[in-house]
Every structure is written in structure tokens, then in C-alpha cells.
Amino acid sequence: MSNQVKKNALRAGTVTAATALLMLMSSPAFALIPDDGDDPGPGLNVVETLGLYVVAPIVLFLVIAGLVIVTDKSRKQAKSKG
């Protein structure tokens, strides 16, 4: 292997190892005592989860796309010229 390939492989390995180490250090898996602010509350059911993470983004996308289409001026200018 060339010197450049070895450098890139070493750099990629170092970044991967450092990232893994930092994520392991910041992981709350080893926390034995809960924090004062830990009060998770009730969970979401399936319908609420799908609504929040699937339906809401789709509706938001459609609203933004609709506003862009309605306020598009290049179509109106092209129609008036032709």
C-alpha cells in the first residue's frame, strides 16, 4: 500500500476509535443514581408515536410545499408572456 493510503487508514481508525471512546464515556448506561430531573412520565402509544414521527412531518412538508407552489412567481410570469 502507498504511504497516502496508510495515512488515510490510520486517520480513519483514530477518528473511529476516538468517537467510540467518547460515546462510551458519555453513555448513561453506567449511571446508578438517577438525576434530580429524571421524571420520564407516561410513554406514547403506537398511534401517538406514528402521528408524531410520521404523519406530522409529512403534513408539515406538504404545507411548506403548497406554500412554495402558491407563492411561486416564475409560473405566473411565464404564463403572462406566452
Protein backbone atom coordinates (compact mmCIF):
# COMPACT_ATOMS: atom_id res chain seq x y z
CA MET A 1 0.00 0.00 0.00
CA SER A 2 1.11 3.52 -0.63
CA ASN A 3 2.03 5.94 2.08
CA GLN A 4 -1.08 8.07 1.45
CA VAL A 5 -3.41 5.07 1.83
CA LYS A 6 -1.72 4.12 5.11
CA LYS A 7 -2.12 7.67 6.41
CA ASN A 8 -5.79 7.74 5.50
CA ALA A 9 -6.41 4.35 7.09
CA LEU A 10 -4.63 5.41 10.27
CA ARG A 11 -6.60 8.67 10.37
CA ALA A 12 -9.91 6.86 9.87
CA GLY A 13 -9.06 4.32 12.57
CA THR A 14 -8.07 7.05 15.01
CA VAL A 15 -11.26 9.04 14.41
CA THR A 16 -13.39 5.91 14.77
CA ALA A 17 -11.69 4.85 18.00
CA ALA A 18 -11.89 8.35 19.49
CA THR A 19 -15.56 8.66 18.60
CA ALA A 20 -16.37 5.27 20.10
CA LEU A 21 -14.46 6.11 23.27
CA LEU A 22 -16.20 9.45 23.70
CA MET A 23 -19.62 7.89 23.15
CA LEU A 24 -18.89 5.19 25.71
CA MET A 25 -17.74 7.78 28.23
CA SER A 26 -20.87 9.89 27.77
CA SER A 27 -23.25 6.94 27.89
CA PRO A 28 -25.70 6.99 30.79
CA ALA A 29 -25.68 3.16 30.97
CA PHE A 30 -23.40 3.21 33.99
CA ALA A 31 -25.44 5.75 35.94
CA LEU A 32 -26.58 4.03 39.12
CA ILE A 33 -28.22 7.02 40.76
CA PRO A 34 -30.91 8.85 38.76
CA ASP A 35 -30.59 12.61 38.42
CA ASP A 36 -32.97 15.00 40.14
CA GLY A 37 -34.63 15.93 36.84
CA ASP A 38 -35.34 12.34 35.78
CA ASP A 39 -39.11 12.08 35.65
CA PRO A 40 -39.94 10.39 32.34
CA GLY A 41 -43.72 10.42 32.60
CA PRO A 42 -46.07 8.20 30.59
CA GLY A 43 -44.96 6.81 27.24
CA LEU A 44 -46.62 7.25 23.88
CA ASN A 45 -48.85 4.60 22.39
CA VAL A 46 -48.49 3.40 18.79
CA VAL A 47 -50.99 5.88 17.32
CA GLU A 48 -49.39 8.85 19.08
CA THR A 49 -45.91 7.74 18.01
CA LEU A 50 -46.91 7.32 14.36
CA GLY A 51 -48.73 10.65 14.42
CA LEU A 52 -45.77 12.48 15.90
CA TYR A 53 -42.96 10.92 13.89
CA VAL A 54 -44.66 10.02 10.58
CA VAL A 55 -47.86 11.98 9.97
CA ALA A 56 -46.76 15.34 11.39
CA PRO A 57 -43.58 15.60 9.25
CA ILE A 58 -45.49 14.61 6.10
CA VAL A 59 -48.20 17.20 6.79
CA LEU A 60 -45.57 19.84 7.53
CA PHE A 61 -43.76 19.01 4.28
CA LEU A 62 -46.98 19.23 2.29
CA VAL A 63 -47.91 22.59 3.86
CA ILE A 64 -44.48 24.07 3.08
CA ALA A 65 -44.51 22.65 -0.46
CA GLY A 66 -48.01 24.03 -1.01
CA LEU A 67 -46.97 27.48 0.19
CA VAL A 68 -43.98 27.44 -2.14
CA ILE A 69 -46.12 26.42 -5.11
CA VAL A 70 -48.80 29.02 -4.35
CA THR A 71 -46.31 31.86 -3.92
CA ASP A 72 -44.18 30.90 -6.95
CA LYS A 73 -43.99 33.93 -9.25
CA SER A 74 -42.00 32.40 -12.11
CA ARG A 75 -45.02 30.41 -13.31
CA LYS A 76 -47.22 33.49 -13.34
CA GLN A 77 -44.63 35.47 -15.32
CA ALA A 78 -44.21 32.64 -17.84
CA LYS A 79 -47.99 32.43 -18.41
CA SER A 80 -48.36 36.16 -18.97
CA LYS A 81 -45.53 36.22 -21.55
CA GLY A 82 -46.85 33.33 -23.61
